Amino acid sequence: MAKQSKNLSGRCFCGAVRWASDGAILWAAICHCTDCRRAASADYVSWFGVRRCTLSWEGPWQVRHSCEGIARSFCGNCGSPMSFETAVFPE
């Protein structure tokens, strides 16, 4: 996958939490692990990675450590899953 800089942005379902990144997408994946499936109530989850230093957040987002080495953020109002961090991809 070519590393291209893009202006990316998104929001939760209710619009209270917004994120933006002006960095390159470093990786993309579809995950079928039990942890991701349970967190999203889905058969699989699509993810892409950007450098943390290019990411900005606005609104009442919260972080939970779903298991060792994994942190997931979500909207504090509507509960929409927002992000995933792992020690495997530290930056």
PDB file of N, CA and C in Angstrom:
ATOM      1  N   MET A   1       0.838  -1.172   0.000  1.00  0.00           N
ATOM      2  CA  MET A   1       0.000   0.000   0.000  1.00  0.00           C
ATOM      3  C   MET A   1       0.885   1.237   0.000  1.00  0.00           C
ATOM      4  N   ALA A   2       0.678   2.134  -0.928  1.00  0.00           N
ATOM      5  CA  ALA A   2       1.457   3.359  -1.011  1.00  0.00           C
ATOM      6  C   ALA A   2       1.107   4.278   0.151  1.00  0.00           C
ATOM      7  N   LYS A   3       2.118   4.896   0.741  1.00  0.00           N
ATOM      8  CA  LYS A   3       1.890   5.815   1.851  1.00  0.00           C
ATOM      9  C   LYS A   3       1.625   7.198   1.283  1.00  0.00           C
ATOM     10  N   GLN A   4       0.388   7.621   1.336  1.00  0.00           N
ATOM     11  CA  GLN A   4       0.006   8.919   0.819  1.00  0.00           C
ATOM     12  C   GLN A   4      -0.539   9.769   1.954  1.00  0.00           C
ATOM     13  N   SER A   5      -0.144  11.049   1.988  1.00  0.00           N
ATOM     14  CA  SER A   5      -0.717  11.961   2.965  1.00  0.00           C
ATOM     15  C   SER A   5      -2.106  12.348   2.503  1.00  0.00           C
ATOM     16  N   LYS A   6      -3.027  12.344   3.431  1.00  0.00           N
ATOM     17  CA  LYS A   6      -4.403  12.708   3.129  1.00  0.00           C
ATOM     18  C   LYS A   6      -4.948  13.493   4.307  1.00  0.00           C
ATOM     19  N   ASN A   7      -5.933  14.311   4.031  1.00  0.00           N
ATOM     20  CA  ASN A   7      -6.682  14.937   5.105  1.00  0.00           C
ATOM     21  C   ASN A   7      -7.856  14.024   5.395  1.00  0.00           C
ATOM     22  N   LEU A   8      -7.775  13.325   6.502  1.00  0.00           N
ATOM     23  CA  LEU A   8      -8.807  12.381   6.904  1.00  0.00           C
ATOM     24  C   LEU A   8      -9.551  12.941   8.101  1.00  0.00           C
ATOM     25  N   SER A   9     -10.828  12.628   8.195  1.00  0.00           N
ATOM     26  CA  SER A   9     -11.594  13.048   9.364  1.00  0.00           C
ATOM     27  C   SER A   9     -12.799  12.141   9.532  1.00  0.00           C
ATOM     28  N   GLY A  10     -13.333  12.144  10.723  1.00  0.00           N
ATOM     29  CA  GLY A  10     -14.513  11.343  10.997  1.00  0.00           C
ATOM     30  C   GLY A  10     -15.166  11.801  12.282  1.00  0.00           C
ATOM     31  N   ARG A  11     -16.298  11.172  12.582  1.00  0.00           N
ATOM     32  CA  ARG A  11     -17.015  11.519  13.799  1.00  0.00           C
ATOM     33  C   ARG A  11     -17.804  10.317  14.272  1.00  0.00           C
ATOM     34  N   CYS A  12     -18.264  10.388  15.485  1.00  0.00           N
ATOM     35  CA  CYS A  12     -19.111   9.330  16.030  1.00  0.00           C
ATOM     36  C   CYS A  12     -20.534   9.498  15.505  1.00  0.00           C
ATOM     37  N   PHE A  13     -21.408   8.592  15.868  1.00  0.00           N
ATOM     38  CA  PHE A  13     -22.789   8.616  15.405  1.00  0.00           C
ATOM     39  C   PHE A  13     -23.513   9.902  15.809  1.00  0.00           C
ATOM     40  N   CYS A  14     -23.338  10.346  17.057  1.00  0.00           N
ATOM     41  CA  CYS A  14     -24.063  11.536  17.521  1.00  0.00           C
ATOM     42  C   CYS A  14     -23.364  12.846  17.155  1.00  0.00           C
ATOM     43  N   GLY A  15     -22.109  12.791  16.694  1.00  0.00           N
ATOM     44  CA  GLY A  15     -21.377  13.988  16.289  1.00  0.00           C
ATOM     45  C   GLY A  15     -20.632  14.686  17.409  1.00  0.00           C
ATOM     46  N   ALA A  16     -20.686  14.164  18.629  1.00  0.00           N
ATOM     47  CA  ALA A  16     -20.028  14.822  19.760  1.00  0.00           C
ATOM     48  C   ALA A  16     -18.510  14.675  19.718  1.00  0.00           C
ATOM     49  N   VAL A  17     -18.010  13.571  19.162  1.00  0.00           N
ATOM     50  CA  VAL A  17     -16.565  13.337  19.078  1.00  0.00           C
ATOM     51  C   VAL A  17     -16.147  13.371  17.616  1.00  0.00           C
ATOM     52  N   ARG A  18     -15.103  14.145  17.349  1.00  0.00           N
ATOM     53  CA  ARG A  18     -14.562  14.248  15.991  1.00  0.00           C
ATOM     54  C   ARG A  18     -13.060  14.009  16.044  1.00  0.00           C
ATOM     55  N   TRP A  19     -12.541  13.459  14.958  1.00  0.00           N
ATOM     56  CA  TRP A  19     -11.105  13.250  14.846  1.00  0.00           C
ATOM     57  C   TRP A  19     -10.658  13.736  13.470  1.00  0.00           C
ATOM     58  N   ALA A  20      -9.390  14.065  13.365  1.00  0.00           N
ATOM     59  CA  ALA A  20      -8.810  14.477  12.085  1.00  0.00           C
ATOM     60  C   ALA A  20      -7.343  14.072  12.063  1.00  0.00           C
ATOM     61  N   SER A  21      -6.846  13.778  10.862  1.00  0.00           N
ATOM     62  CA  SER A  21      -5.438  13.447  10.674  1.00  0.00           C
ATOM     63  C   SER A  21      -4.993  13.987   9.328  1.00  0.00           C
ATOM     64  N   ASP A  22      -3.803  14.568   9.296  1.00  0.00           N
ATOM     65  CA  ASP A  22      -3.246  15.026   8.027  1.00  0.00           C
ATOM     66  C   ASP A  22      -2.027  14.195   7.635  1.00  0.00           C
ATOM     67  N   GLY A  23      -1.892  13.035   8.236  1.00  0.00           N
ATOM     68  CA  GLY A  23      -0.745  12.172   7.970  1.00  0.00           C
ATOM     69  C   GLY A  23      -1.041  11.068   6.980  1.00  0.00           C
ATOM     70  N   ALA A  24      -0.003  10.328   6.667  1.00  0.00           N
ATOM     71  CA  ALA A  24      -0.121   9.207   5.735  1.00  0.00           C
ATOM     72  C   ALA A  24      -0.786   8.013   6.418  1.00  0.00           C
ATOM     73  N   ILE A  25      -1.547   7.263   5.647  1.00  0.00           N
ATOM     74  CA  ILE A  25      -2.069   5.988   6.126  1.00  0.00           C
ATOM     75  C   ILE A  25      -0.911   4.997   6.063  1.00  0.00           C
ATOM     76  N   LEU A  26      -0.533   4.445   7.204  1.00  0.00           N
ATOM     77  CA  LEU A  26       0.627   3.564   7.283  1.00  0.00           C
ATOM     78  C   LEU A  26       0.287   2.107   7.023  1.00  0.00           C
ATOM     79  N   TRP A  27      -0.907   1.704   7.370  1.00  0.00           N
ATOM     80  CA  TRP A  27      -1.340   0.323   7.163  1.00  0.00           C
ATOM     81  C   TRP A  27      -2.863   0.274   7.168  1.00  0.00           C
ATOM     82  N   ALA A  28      -3.396  -0.782   6.633  1.00  0.00           N
ATOM     83  CA  ALA A  28      -4.839  -1.034   6.662  1.00  0.00           C
ATOM     84  C   ALA A  28      -5.042  -2.526   6.862  1.00  0.00           C
ATOM     85  N   ALA A  29      -6.104  -2.882   7.578  1.00  0.00           N
ATOM     86  CA  ALA A  29      -6.343  -4.293   7.874  1.00  0.00           C
ATOM     87  C   ALA A  29      -7.817  -4.541   8.154  1.00  0.00           C
ATOM     88  N   ILE A  30      -8.201  -5.771   7.983  1.00  0.00           N
ATOM     89  CA  ILE A  30      -9.512  -6.241   8.419  1.00  0.00           C
ATOM     90  C   ILE A  30      -9.241  -7.271   9.501  1.00  0.00           C
ATOM     91  N   CYS A  31      -9.819  -7.054  10.671  1.00  0.00           N
ATOM     92  CA  CYS A  31      -9.552  -7.928  11.811  1.00  0.00           C
ATOM     93  C   CYS A  31     -10.781  -8.767  12.140  1.00  0.00           C
ATOM     94  N   HIS A  32     -10.532 -10.047  12.358  1.00  0.00           N
ATOM     95  CA  HIS A  32     -11.589 -10.986  12.739  1.00  0.00           C
ATOM     96  C   HIS A  32     -11.389 -11.513  14.161  1.00  0.00           C
ATOM     97  N   CYS A  33     -10.496 -10.904  14.938  1.00  0.00           N
ATOM     98  CA  CYS A  33     -10.230 -11.429  16.280  1.00  0.00           C
ATOM     99  C   CYS A  33     -11.455 -11.249  17.179  1.00  0.00           C
ATOM    100  N   THR A  34     -11.533 -12.073  18.193  1.00  0.00           N
ATOM    101  CA  THR A  34     -12.676 -12.048  19.104  1.00  0.00           C
ATOM    102  C   THR A  34     -12.824 -10.689  19.776  1.00  0.00           C
ATOM    103  N   ASP A  35     -11.713 -10.078  20.176  1.00  0.00           N
ATOM    104  CA  ASP A  35     -11.761  -8.790  20.859  1.00  0.00           C
ATOM    105  C   ASP A  35     -12.371  -7.708  19.970  1.00  0.00           C
ATOM    106  N   CYS A  36     -11.919  -7.608  18.724  1.00  0.00           N
ATOM    107  CA  CYS A  36     -12.466  -6.605  17.798  1.00  0.00           C
ATOM    108  C   CYS A  36     -13.934  -6.888  17.487  1.00  0.00           C
ATOM    109  N   ARG A  37     -14.253  -8.152  17.267  1.00  0.00           N
ATOM    110  CA  ARG A  37     -15.638  -8.504  16.941  1.00  0.00           C
ATOM    111  C   ARG A  37     -16.580  -8.155  18.091  1.00  0.00           C
ATOM    112  N   ARG A  38     -16.163  -8.421  19.306  1.00  0.00           N
ATOM    113  CA  ARG A  38     -17.013  -8.095  20.454  1.00  0.00           C
ATOM    114  C   ARG A  38     -17.131  -6.593  20.666  1.00  0.00           C
ATOM    115  N   ALA A  39     -16.037  -5.863  20.490  1.00  0.00           N
ATOM    116  CA  ALA A  39     -16.056  -4.412  20.693  1.00  0.00           C
ATOM    117  C   ALA A  39     -16.975  -3.709  19.699  1.00  0.00           C
ATOM    118  N   ALA A  40     -17.083  -4.264  18.482  1.00  0.00           N
ATOM    119  CA  ALA A  40     -17.898  -3.631  17.441  1.00  0.00           C
ATOM    120  C   ALA A  40     -19.228  -4.339  17.198  1.00  0.00           C
ATOM    121  N   SER A  41     -19.462  -5.464  17.872  1.00  0.00           N
ATOM    122  CA  SER A  41     -20.665  -6.278  17.616  1.00  0.00           C
ATOM    123  C   SER A  41     -20.797  -6.575  16.128  1.00  0.00           C
ATOM    124  N   ALA A  42     -19.704  -7.054  15.546  1.00  0.00           N
ATOM    125  CA  ALA A  42     -19.660  -7.292  14.101  1.00  0.00           C
ATOM    126  C   ALA A  42     -18.836  -8.542  13.811  1.00  0.00           C
ATOM    127  N   ASP A  43     -18.942  -9.024  12.580  1.00  0.00           N
ATOM    128  CA  ASP A  43     -18.159 -10.188  12.161  1.00  0.00           C
ATOM    129  C   ASP A  43     -16.686  -9.847  11.957  1.00  0.00           C
ATOM    130  N   TYR A  44     -16.410  -8.595  11.595  1.00  0.00           N
ATOM    131  CA  TYR A  44     -15.041  -8.126  11.393  1.00  0.00           C
ATOM    132  C   TYR A  44     -15.025  -6.610  11.507  1.00  0.00           C
ATOM    133  N   VAL A  45     -13.822  -6.055  11.636  1.00  0.00           N
ATOM    134  CA  VAL A  45     -13.647  -4.613  11.750  1.00  0.00           C
ATOM    135  C   VAL A  45     -12.545  -4.183  10.794  1.00  0.00           C
ATOM    136  N   SER A  46     -12.767  -3.093  10.082  1.00  0.00           N
ATOM    137  CA  SER A  46     -11.742  -2.509   9.207  1.00  0.00           C
ATOM    138  C   SER A  46     -10.998  -1.429   9.984  1.00  0.00           C
ATOM    139  N   TRP A  47      -9.680  -1.448   9.890  1.00  0.00           N
ATOM    140  CA  TRP A  47      -8.844  -0.463  10.565  1.00  0.00           C
ATOM    141  C   TRP A  47      -7.827   0.113   9.584  1.00  0.00           C
ATOM    142  N   PHE A  48      -7.372   1.325   9.858  1.00  0.00           N
ATOM    143  CA  PHE A  48      -6.199   1.864   9.180  1.00  0.00           C
ATOM    144  C   PHE A  48      -5.380   2.594  10.228  1.00  0.00           C
ATOM    145  N   GLY A  49      -4.085   2.695   9.979  1.00  0.00           N
ATOM    146  CA  GLY A  49      -3.195   3.303  10.954  1.00  0.00           C
ATOM    147  C   GLY A  49      -2.581   4.598  10.467  1.00  0.00           C
ATOM    148  N   VAL A  50      -2.493   5.560  11.374  1.00  0.00           N
ATOM    149  CA  VAL A  50      -1.790   6.823  11.135  1.00  0.00           C
ATOM    150  C   VAL A  50      -0.889   7.078  12.342  1.00  0.00           C
ATOM    151  N   ARG A  51       0.087   7.938  12.179  1.00  0.00           N
ATOM    152  CA  ARG A  51       0.944   8.295  13.314  1.00  0.00           C
ATOM    153  C   ARG A  51       0.130   9.105  14.322  1.00  0.00           C
ATOM    154  N   ARG A  52       0.321   8.774  15.584  1.00  0.00           N
ATOM    155  CA  ARG A  52      -0.410   9.453  16.651  1.00  0.00           C
ATOM    156  C   ARG A  52      -0.202  10.966  16.600  1.00  0.00           C
ATOM    157  N   CYS A  53       1.000  11.407  16.223  1.00  0.00           N
ATOM    158  CA  CYS A  53       1.303  12.842  16.205  1.00  0.00           C
ATOM    159  C   CYS A  53       0.519  13.598  15.131  1.00  0.00           C
ATOM    160  N   THR A  54      -0.104  12.896  14.178  1.00  0.00           N
ATOM    161  CA  THR A  54      -0.909  13.563  13.143  1.00  0.00           C
ATOM    162  C   THR A  54      -2.394  13.570  13.483  1.00  0.00           C
ATOM    163  N   LEU A  55      -2.756  12.990  14.616  1.00  0.00           N
ATOM    164  CA  LEU A  55      -4.159  12.793  14.975  1.00  0.00           C
ATOM    165  C   LEU A  55      -4.604  13.810  16.016  1.00  0.00           C
ATOM    166  N   SER A  56      -5.770  14.412  15.793  1.00  0.00           N
ATOM    167  CA  SER A  56      -6.345  15.321  16.787  1.00  0.00           C
ATOM    168  C   SER A  56      -7.775  14.890  17.097  1.00  0.00           C
ATOM    169  N   TRP A  57      -8.191  15.138  18.328  1.00  0.00           N
ATOM    170  CA  TRP A  57      -9.516  14.745  18.818  1.00  0.00           C
ATOM    171  C   TRP A  57     -10.242  15.950  19.380  1.00  0.00           C
ATOM    172  N   GLU A  58     -11.560  15.964  19.228  1.00  0.00           N
ATOM    173  CA  GLU A  58     -12.415  16.953  19.880  1.00  0.00           C
ATOM    174  C   GLU A  58     -13.608  16.220  20.465  1.00  0.00           C
ATOM    175  N   GLY A  59     -14.022  16.624  21.641  1.00  0.00           N
ATOM    176  CA  GLY A  59     -15.228  16.053  22.227  1.00  0.00           C
ATOM    177  C   GLY A  59     -14.952  15.068  23.348  1.00  0.00           C
ATOM    178  N   PRO A  60     -16.021  14.493  23.902  1.00  0.00           N
ATOM    179  CA  PRO A  60     -15.936  13.647  25.093  1.00  0.00           C
ATOM    180  C   PRO A  60     -15.592  12.193  24.799  1.00  0.00           C
ATOM    181  N   TRP A  61     -14.395  11.944  24.281  1.00  0.00           N
ATOM    182  CA  TRP A  61     -14.016  10.557  23.993  1.00  0.00           C
ATOM    183  C   TRP A  61     -13.403   9.931  25.235  1.00  0.00           C
ATOM    184  N   GLN A  62     -13.566   8.639  25.331  1.00  0.00           N
ATOM    185  CA  GLN A  62     -13.061   7.885  26.468  1.00  0.00           C
ATOM    186  C   GLN A  62     -12.241   6.710  25.969  1.00  0.00           C
ATOM    187  N   VAL A  63     -11.349   6.228  26.819  1.00  0.00           N
ATOM    188  CA  VAL A  63     -10.480   5.100  26.457  1.00  0.00           C
ATOM    189  C   VAL A  63     -10.681   3.975  27.465  1.00  0.00           C
ATOM    190  N   ARG A  64     -10.744   2.762  26.948  1.00  0.00           N
ATOM    191  CA  ARG A  64     -10.803   1.560  27.778  1.00  0.00           C
ATOM    192  C   ARG A  64      -9.733   0.594  27.289  1.00  0.00           C
ATOM    193  N   HIS A  65      -9.110  -0.102  28.216  1.00  0.00           N
ATOM    194  CA  HIS A  65      -8.135  -1.134  27.873  1.00  0.00           C
ATOM    195  C   HIS A  65      -8.885  -2.457  27.843  1.00  0.00           C
ATOM    196  N   SER A  66      -9.159  -2.944  26.631  1.00  0.00           N
ATOM    197  CA  SER A  66      -9.997  -4.135  26.476  1.00  0.00           C
ATOM    198  C   SER A  66      -9.261  -5.414  26.852  1.00  0.00           C
ATOM    199  N   CYS A  67      -7.959  -5.418  26.691  1.00  0.00           N
ATOM    200  CA  CYS A  67      -7.117  -6.514  27.160  1.00  0.00           C
ATOM    201  C   CYS A  67      -5.683  -6.003  27.185  1.00  0.00           C
ATOM    202  N   GLU A  68      -4.756  -6.806  27.632  1.00  0.00           N
ATOM    203  CA  GLU A  68      -3.375  -6.353  27.781  1.00  0.00           C
ATOM    204  C   GLU A  68      -2.807  -5.865  26.452  1.00  0.00           C
ATOM    205  N   GLY A  69      -2.306  -4.625  26.442  1.00  0.00           N
ATOM    206  CA  GLY A  69      -1.680  -4.066  25.255  1.00  0.00           C
ATOM    207  C   GLY A  69      -2.634  -3.477  24.238  1.00  0.00           C
ATOM    208  N   ILE A  70      -3.939  -3.422  24.544  1.00  0.00           N
ATOM    209  CA  ILE A  70      -4.914  -2.881  23.593  1.00  0.00           C
ATOM    210  C   ILE A  70      -5.756  -1.814  24.278  1.00  0.00           C
ATOM    211  N   ALA A  71      -5.810  -0.631  23.661  1.00  0.00           N
ATOM    212  CA  ALA A  71      -6.654   0.462  24.147  1.00  0.00           C
ATOM    213  C   ALA A  71      -7.640   0.825  23.049  1.00  0.00           C
ATOM    214  N   ARG A  72      -8.895   0.955  23.417  1.00  0.00           N
ATOM    215  CA  ARG A  72      -9.945   1.317  22.465  1.00  0.00           C
ATOM    216  C   ARG A  72     -10.609   2.599  22.947  1.00  0.00           C
ATOM    217  N   SER A  73     -10.849   3.524  22.021  1.00  0.00           N
ATOM    218  CA  SER A  73     -11.556   4.746  22.398  1.00  0.00           C
ATOM    219  C   SER A  73     -12.958   4.704  21.809  1.00  0.00           C
ATOM    220  N   PHE A  74     -13.837   5.453  22.455  1.00  0.00           N
ATOM    221  CA  PHE A  74     -15.225   5.499  22.020  1.00  0.00           C
ATOM    222  C   PHE A  74     -15.834   6.817  22.467  1.00  0.00           C
ATOM    223  N   CYS A  75     -16.971   7.163  21.886  1.00  0.00           N
ATOM    224  CA  CYS A  75     -17.675   8.381  22.259  1.00  0.00           C
ATOM    225  C   CYS A  75     -18.276   8.207  23.644  1.00  0.00           C
ATOM    226  N   GLY A  76     -18.059   9.185  24.510  1.00  0.00           N
ATOM    227  CA  GLY A  76     -18.619   9.145  25.849  1.00  0.00           C
ATOM    228  C   GLY A  76     -20.119   9.377  25.878  1.00  0.00           C
ATOM    229  N   ASN A  77     -20.682   9.885  24.767  1.00  0.00           N
ATOM    230  CA  ASN A  77     -22.133  10.114  24.706  1.00  0.00           C
ATOM    231  C   ASN A  77     -22.880   8.940  24.092  1.00  0.00           C
ATOM    232  N   CYS A  78     -22.534   8.577  22.858  1.00  0.00           N
ATOM    233  CA  CYS A  78     -23.310   7.556  22.142  1.00  0.00           C
ATOM    234  C   CYS A  78     -22.657   6.177  22.151  1.00  0.00           C
ATOM    235  N   GLY A  79     -21.384   6.096  22.563  1.00  0.00           N
ATOM    236  CA  GLY A  79     -20.706   4.805  22.649  1.00  0.00           C
ATOM    237  C   GLY A  79     -20.094   4.301  21.356  1.00  0.00           C
ATOM    238  N   SER A  80     -20.127   5.089  20.285  1.00  0.00           N
ATOM    239  CA  SER A  80     -19.543   4.652  19.011  1.00  0.00           C
ATOM    240  C   SER A  80     -18.066   4.328  19.173  1.00  0.00           C
ATOM    241  N   PRO A  81     -17.609   3.164  18.673  1.00  0.00           N
ATOM    242  CA  PRO A  81     -16.175   2.870  18.678  1.00  0.00           C
ATOM    243  C   PRO A  81     -15.446   3.881  17.798  1.00  0.00           C
ATOM    244  N   MET A  82     -14.299   4.380  18.264  1.00  0.00           N
ATOM    245  CA  MET A  82     -13.587   5.418  17.522  1.00  0.00           C
ATOM    246  C   MET A  82     -12.176   5.022  17.104  1.00  0.00           C
ATOM    247  N   SER A  83     -11.421   4.377  17.992  1.00  0.00           N
ATOM    248  CA  SER A  83     -10.040   4.060  17.633  1.00  0.00           C
ATOM    249  C   SER A  83      -9.551   2.830  18.381  1.00  0.00           C
ATOM    250  N   PHE A  84      -8.384   2.389  17.966  1.00  0.00           N
ATOM    251  CA  PHE A  84      -7.748   1.188  18.486  1.00  0.00           C
ATOM    252  C   PHE A  84      -6.257   1.465  18.561  1.00  0.00           C
ATOM    253  N   GLU A  85      -5.628   1.180  19.675  1.00  0.00           N
ATOM    254  CA  GLU A  85      -4.174   1.284  19.803  1.00  0.00           C
ATOM    255  C   GLU A  85      -3.644  -0.023  20.353  1.00  0.00           C
ATOM    256  N   THR A  86      -2.496  -0.428  19.845  1.00  0.00           N
ATOM    257  CA  THR A  86      -1.872  -1.647  20.335  1.00  0.00           C
ATOM    258  C   THR A  86      -0.369  -1.459  20.421  1.00  0.00           C
ATOM    259  N   ALA A  87       0.250  -2.170  21.332  1.00  0.00           N
ATOM    260  CA  ALA A  87       1.701  -2.128  21.475  1.00  0.00           C
ATOM    261  C   ALA A  87       2.395  -2.708  20.243  1.00  0.00           C
ATOM    262  N   VAL A  88       1.686  -3.500  19.453  1.00  0.00           N
ATOM    263  CA  VAL A  88       2.252  -4.076  18.228  1.00  0.00           C
ATOM    264  C   VAL A  88       2.550  -2.981  17.207  1.00  0.00           C
ATOM    265  N   PHE A  89       1.686  -1.959  17.142  1.00  0.00           N
ATOM    266  CA  PHE A  89       1.883  -0.801  16.268  1.00  0.00           C
ATOM    267  C   PHE A  89       1.978   0.432  17.167  1.00  0.00           C
ATOM    268  N   PRO A  90       3.123   0.659  17.836  1.00  0.00           N
ATOM    269  CA  PRO A  90       3.203   1.702  18.856  1.00  0.00           C
ATOM    270  C   PRO A  90       3.056   3.119  18.333  1.00  0.00           C
ATOM    271  N   GLU A  91       3.389   3.394  17.127  1.00  0.00           N
ATOM    272  CA  GLU A  91       3.301   4.756  16.610  1.00  0.00           C
ATOM    273  C   GLU A  91       2.706   4.677  15.237  1.00  0.00           C
TER     274      GLU A  91
END
